[in-house]
Amino acid sequence: MTAPKAKELYAEQHLDFAGTMIEQGNEADLQRALCKDLNGDLRALEKELARKTLDFSV
């Protein structure tokens, strides 16, 4: 229902991103899952988030 209007407004990528967030969760959800995978080690979480940030910025 919203796809035709999104196309008209050249906003399809925003609608796609919203769908991805619904399917995969938002950044906070991903960080909580990562923290759980790292056995609650907040230093390891901080390092991993920093690494991802640096990888993204290149």
PDB file of N, CA and C in Angstrom:
ATOM      1  N   MET A   1       0.807  -1.207   0.000  1.00  0.00           N
ATOM      2  CA  MET A   1       0.000   0.000   0.000  1.00  0.00           C
ATOM      3  C   MET A   1       0.849   1.270   0.000  1.00  0.00           C
ATOM      4  N   THR A   2       1.935   1.260   0.726  1.00  0.00           N
ATOM      5  CA  THR A   2       2.772   2.455   0.790  1.00  0.00           C
ATOM      6  C   THR A   2       3.798   2.503  -0.339  1.00  0.00           C
ATOM      7  N   ALA A   3       4.054   1.386  -0.978  1.00  0.00           N
ATOM      8  CA  ALA A   3       5.088   1.336  -2.016  1.00  0.00           C
ATOM      9  C   ALA A   3       4.833   2.308  -3.176  1.00  0.00           C
ATOM     10  N   PRO A   4       3.606   2.417  -3.688  1.00  0.00           N
ATOM     11  CA  PRO A   4       3.409   3.373  -4.793  1.00  0.00           C
ATOM     12  C   PRO A   4       3.724   4.824  -4.396  1.00  0.00           C
ATOM     13  N   LYS A   5       3.331   5.222  -3.189  1.00  0.00           N
ATOM     14  CA  LYS A   5       3.612   6.593  -2.747  1.00  0.00           C
ATOM     15  C   LYS A   5       5.111   6.783  -2.530  1.00  0.00           C
ATOM     16  N   ALA A   6       5.772   5.774  -1.966  1.00  0.00           N
ATOM     17  CA  ALA A   6       7.223   5.856  -1.769  1.00  0.00           C
ATOM     18  C   ALA A   6       7.922   6.010  -3.115  1.00  0.00           C
ATOM     19  N   LYS A   7       7.454   5.278  -4.107  1.00  0.00           N
ATOM     20  CA  LYS A   7       8.050   5.392  -5.444  1.00  0.00           C
ATOM     21  C   LYS A   7       7.823   6.792  -6.004  1.00  0.00           C
ATOM     22  N   GLU A   8       6.616   7.307  -5.823  1.00  0.00           N
ATOM     23  CA  GLU A   8       6.287   8.646  -6.303  1.00  0.00           C
ATOM     24  C   GLU A   8       7.175   9.707  -5.650  1.00  0.00           C
ATOM     25  N   LEU A   9       7.524   9.500  -4.390  1.00  0.00           N
ATOM     26  CA  LEU A   9       8.338  10.460  -3.644  1.00  0.00           C
ATOM     27  C   LEU A   9       9.838  10.144  -3.717  1.00  0.00           C
ATOM     28  N   TYR A  10      10.204   9.149  -4.536  1.00  0.00           N
ATOM     29  CA  TYR A  10      11.597   8.706  -4.647  1.00  0.00           C
ATOM     30  C   TYR A  10      12.162   8.322  -3.273  1.00  0.00           C
ATOM     31  N   ALA A  11      11.360   7.630  -2.501  1.00  0.00           N
ATOM     32  CA  ALA A  11      11.749   7.263  -1.137  1.00  0.00           C
ATOM     33  C   ALA A  11      11.717   5.748  -0.929  1.00  0.00           C
ATOM     34  N   GLU A  12      11.838   5.007  -1.985  1.00  0.00           N
ATOM     35  CA  GLU A  12      11.777   3.546  -1.874  1.00  0.00           C
ATOM     36  C   GLU A  12      12.865   2.989  -0.959  1.00  0.00           C
ATOM     37  N   GLN A  13      14.071   3.592  -0.990  1.00  0.00           N
ATOM     38  CA  GLN A  13      15.159   3.097  -0.157  1.00  0.00           C
ATOM     39  C   GLN A  13      14.813   3.244   1.322  1.00  0.00           C
ATOM     40  N   HIS A  14      14.051   4.268   1.682  1.00  0.00           N
ATOM     41  CA  HIS A  14      13.650   4.453   3.079  1.00  0.00           C
ATOM     42  C   HIS A  14      12.659   3.369   3.499  1.00  0.00           C
ATOM     43  N   LEU A  15      11.764   3.042   2.615  1.00  0.00           N
ATOM     44  CA  LEU A  15      10.804   1.984   2.890  1.00  0.00           C
ATOM     45  C   LEU A  15      11.523   0.644   3.000  1.00  0.00           C
ATOM     46  N   ASP A  16      12.494   0.401   2.140  1.00  0.00           N
ATOM     47  CA  ASP A  16      13.281  -0.824   2.206  1.00  0.00           C
ATOM     48  C   ASP A  16      14.045  -0.903   3.525  1.00  0.00           C
ATOM     49  N   PHE A  17      14.621   0.219   3.950  1.00  0.00           N
ATOM     50  CA  PHE A  17      15.370   0.253   5.210  1.00  0.00           C
ATOM     51  C   PHE A  17      14.451  -0.044   6.392  1.00  0.00           C
ATOM     52  N   ALA A  18      13.248   0.503   6.375  1.00  0.00           N
ATOM     53  CA  ALA A  18      12.293   0.223   7.449  1.00  0.00           C
ATOM     54  C   ALA A  18      11.969  -1.269   7.489  1.00  0.00           C
ATOM     55  N   GLY A  19      11.815  -1.880   6.343  1.00  0.00           N
ATOM     56  CA  GLY A  19      11.560  -3.321   6.290  1.00  0.00           C
ATOM     57  C   GLY A  19      12.721  -4.119   6.854  1.00  0.00           C
ATOM     58  N   THR A  20      13.934  -3.692   6.542  1.00  0.00           N
ATOM     59  CA  THR A  20      15.118  -4.361   7.080  1.00  0.00           C
ATOM     60  C   THR A  20      15.163  -4.248   8.595  1.00  0.00           C
ATOM     61  N   MET A  21      14.845  -3.074   9.124  1.00  0.00           N
ATOM     62  CA  MET A  21      14.840  -2.889  10.576  1.00  0.00           C
ATOM     63  C   MET A  21      13.793  -3.778  11.243  1.00  0.00           C
ATOM     64  N   ILE A  22      12.655  -3.922  10.610  1.00  0.00           N
ATOM     65  CA  ILE A  22      11.611  -4.775  11.166  1.00  0.00           C
ATOM     66  C   ILE A  22      12.083  -6.225  11.186  1.00  0.00           C
ATOM     67  N   GLU A  23      12.737  -6.663  10.119  1.00  0.00           N
ATOM     68  CA  GLU A  23      13.206  -8.046  10.020  1.00  0.00           C
ATOM     69  C   GLU A  23      14.406  -8.326  10.923  1.00  0.00           C
ATOM     70  N   GLN A  24      15.381  -7.417  10.946  1.00  0.00           N
ATOM     71  CA  GLN A  24      16.653  -7.686  11.616  1.00  0.00           C
ATOM     72  C   GLN A  24      16.792  -7.001  12.967  1.00  0.00           C
ATOM     73  N   GLY A  25      15.930  -6.053  13.263  1.00  0.00           N
ATOM     74  CA  GLY A  25      16.056  -5.288  14.491  1.00  0.00           C
ATOM     75  C   GLY A  25      16.858  -4.027  14.250  1.00  0.00           C
ATOM     76  N   ASN A  26      16.847  -3.162  15.246  1.00  0.00           N
ATOM     77  CA  ASN A  26      17.593  -1.916  15.109  1.00  0.00           C
ATOM     78  C   ASN A  26      18.994  -2.078  15.697  1.00  0.00           C
ATOM     79  N   GLU A  27      19.761  -1.017  15.687  1.00  0.00           N
ATOM     80  CA  GLU A  27      21.154  -1.088  16.144  1.00  0.00           C
ATOM     81  C   GLU A  27      21.253  -1.518  17.605  1.00  0.00           C
ATOM     82  N   ALA A  28      20.341  -1.040  18.441  1.00  0.00           N
ATOM     83  CA  ALA A  28      20.367  -1.433  19.857  1.00  0.00           C
ATOM     84  C   ALA A  28      20.144  -2.937  20.004  1.00  0.00           C
ATOM     85  N   ASP A  29      19.224  -3.488  19.234  1.00  0.00           N
ATOM     86  CA  ASP A  29      18.985  -4.931  19.265  1.00  0.00           C
ATOM     87  C   ASP A  29      20.241  -5.697  18.858  1.00  0.00           C
ATOM     88  N   LEU A  30      20.893  -5.213  17.809  1.00  0.00           N
ATOM     89  CA  LEU A  30      22.104  -5.871  17.323  1.00  0.00           C
ATOM     90  C   LEU A  30      23.229  -5.789  18.353  1.00  0.00           C
ATOM     91  N   GLN A  31      23.348  -4.656  19.036  1.00  0.00           N
ATOM     92  CA  GLN A  31      24.387  -4.503  20.049  1.00  0.00           C
ATOM     93  C   GLN A  31      24.126  -5.404  21.244  1.00  0.00           C
ATOM     94  N   ARG A  32      22.869  -5.528  21.660  1.00  0.00           N
ATOM     95  CA  ARG A  32      22.548  -6.433  22.770  1.00  0.00           C
ATOM     96  C   ARG A  32      22.872  -7.877  22.406  1.00  0.00           C
ATOM     97  N   ALA A  33      22.560  -8.274  21.191  1.00  0.00           N
ATOM     98  CA  ALA A  33      22.862  -9.634  20.747  1.00  0.00           C
ATOM     99  C   ALA A  33      24.375  -9.858  20.702  1.00  0.00           C
ATOM    100  N   LEU A  34      25.110  -8.875  20.209  1.00  0.00           N
ATOM    101  CA  LEU A  34      26.569  -8.978  20.155  1.00  0.00           C
ATOM    102  C   LEU A  34      27.150  -9.087  21.562  1.00  0.00           C
ATOM    103  N   CYS A  35      26.640  -8.287  22.480  1.00  0.00           N
ATOM    104  CA  CYS A  35      27.104  -8.328  23.870  1.00  0.00           C
ATOM    105  C   CYS A  35      26.856  -9.718  24.466  1.00  0.00           C
ATOM    106  N   LYS A  36      25.714 -10.282  24.161  1.00  0.00           N
ATOM    107  CA  LYS A  36      25.404 -11.636  24.647  1.00  0.00           C
ATOM    108  C   LYS A  36      26.391 -12.642  24.056  1.00  0.00           C
ATOM    109  N   ASP A  37      26.678 -12.507  22.751  1.00  0.00           N
ATOM    110  CA  ASP A  37      27.643 -13.401  22.100  1.00  0.00           C
ATOM    111  C   ASP A  37      29.036 -13.274  22.717  1.00  0.00           C
ATOM    112  N   LEU A  38      29.346 -12.092  23.249  1.00  0.00           N
ATOM    113  CA  LEU A  38      30.651 -11.846  23.867  1.00  0.00           C
ATOM    114  C   LEU A  38      30.617 -12.107  25.372  1.00  0.00           C
ATOM    115  N   ASN A  39      29.604 -12.849  25.813  1.00  0.00           N
ATOM    116  CA  ASN A  39      29.454 -13.226  27.228  1.00  0.00           C
ATOM    117  C   ASN A  39      29.400 -12.015  28.157  1.00  0.00           C
ATOM    118  N   GLY A  40      28.799 -10.931  27.681  1.00  0.00           N
ATOM    119  CA  GLY A  40      28.631  -9.749  28.516  1.00  0.00           C
ATOM    120  C   GLY A  40      29.884  -8.923  28.716  1.00  0.00           C
ATOM    121  N   ASP A  41      30.928  -9.213  27.974  1.00  0.00           N
ATOM    122  CA  ASP A  41      32.198  -8.483  28.106  1.00  0.00           C
ATOM    123  C   ASP A  41      32.068  -7.119  27.425  1.00  0.00           C
ATOM    124  N   LEU A  42      31.866  -6.083  28.234  1.00  0.00           N
ATOM    125  CA  LEU A  42      31.631  -4.751  27.684  1.00  0.00           C
ATOM    126  C   LEU A  42      32.862  -4.171  26.991  1.00  0.00           C
ATOM    127  N   ARG A  43      34.040  -4.531  27.455  1.00  0.00           N
ATOM    128  CA  ARG A  43      35.266  -4.052  26.766  1.00  0.00           C
ATOM    129  C   ARG A  43      35.366  -4.660  25.373  1.00  0.00           C
ATOM    130  N   ALA A  44      35.062  -5.935  25.271  1.00  0.00           N
ATOM    131  CA  ALA A  44      35.082  -6.590  23.958  1.00  0.00           C
ATOM    132  C   ALA A  44      34.002  -5.992  23.053  1.00  0.00           C
ATOM    133  N   LEU A  45      32.846  -5.680  23.633  1.00  0.00           N
ATOM    134  CA  LEU A  45      31.777  -5.047  22.862  1.00  0.00           C
ATOM    135  C   LEU A  45      32.235  -3.686  22.340  1.00  0.00           C
ATOM    136  N   GLU A  46      32.846  -2.899  23.204  1.00  0.00           N
ATOM    137  CA  GLU A  46      33.338  -1.580  22.806  1.00  0.00           C
ATOM    138  C   GLU A  46      34.353  -1.691  21.666  1.00  0.00           C
ATOM    139  N   LYS A  47      35.262  -2.647  21.773  1.00  0.00           N
ATOM    140  CA  LYS A  47      36.268  -2.841  20.720  1.00  0.00           C
ATOM    141  C   LYS A  47      35.618  -3.250  19.405  1.00  0.00           C
ATOM    142  N   GLU A  48      34.647  -4.149  19.479  1.00  0.00           N
ATOM    143  CA  GLU A  48      33.981  -4.619  18.267  1.00  0.00           C
ATOM    144  C   GLU A  48      33.188  -3.485  17.606  1.00  0.00           C
ATOM    145  N   LEU A  49      32.506  -2.679  18.414  1.00  0.00           N
ATOM    146  CA  LEU A  49      31.760  -1.544  17.859  1.00  0.00           C
ATOM    147  C   LEU A  49      32.708  -0.517  17.231  1.00  0.00           C
ATOM    148  N   ALA A  50      33.847  -0.288  17.875  1.00  0.00           N
ATOM    149  CA  ALA A  50      34.841   0.632  17.315  1.00  0.00           C
ATOM    150  C   ALA A  50      35.376   0.094  15.987  1.00  0.00           C
ATOM    151  N   ARG A  51      35.646  -1.205  15.942  1.00  0.00           N
ATOM    152  CA  ARG A  51      36.138  -1.815  14.709  1.00  0.00           C
ATOM    153  C   ARG A  51      35.118  -1.672  13.585  1.00  0.00           C
ATOM    154  N   LYS A  52      33.854  -1.939  13.898  1.00  0.00           N
ATOM    155  CA  LYS A  52      32.802  -1.813  12.883  1.00  0.00           C
ATOM    156  C   LYS A  52      32.662  -0.375  12.409  1.00  0.00           C
ATOM    157  N   THR A  53      32.795   0.575  13.334  1.00  0.00           N
ATOM    158  CA  THR A  53      32.708   1.980  12.970  1.00  0.00           C
ATOM    159  C   THR A  53      33.847   2.362  12.030  1.00  0.00           C
ATOM    160  N   LEU A  54      35.062   1.922  12.367  1.00  0.00           N
ATOM    161  CA  LEU A  54      36.213   2.238  11.517  1.00  0.00           C
ATOM    162  C   LEU A  54      36.093   1.566  10.161  1.00  0.00           C
ATOM    163  N   ASP A  55      35.615   0.327  10.118  1.00  0.00           N
ATOM    164  CA  ASP A  55      35.433  -0.366   8.850  1.00  0.00           C
ATOM    165  C   ASP A  55      34.409   0.364   7.985  1.00  0.00           C
ATOM    166  N   PHE A  56      33.382   0.881   8.627  1.00  0.00           N
ATOM    167  CA  PHE A  56      32.316   1.575   7.902  1.00  0.00           C
ATOM    168  C   PHE A  56      32.796   2.903   7.327  1.00  0.00           C
ATOM    169  N   SER A  57      33.715   3.554   8.033  1.00  0.00           N
ATOM    170  CA  SER A  57      34.148   4.891   7.629  1.00  0.00           C
ATOM    171  C   SER A  57      35.149   4.875   6.488  1.00  0.00           C
ATOM    172  N   VAL A  58      35.682   3.712   6.157  1.00  0.00           N
ATOM    173  CA  VAL A  58      36.697   3.636   5.091  1.00  0.00           C
ATOM    174  C   VAL A  58      36.059   3.647   3.736  1.00  0.00           C
TER     175      VAL A  58
END
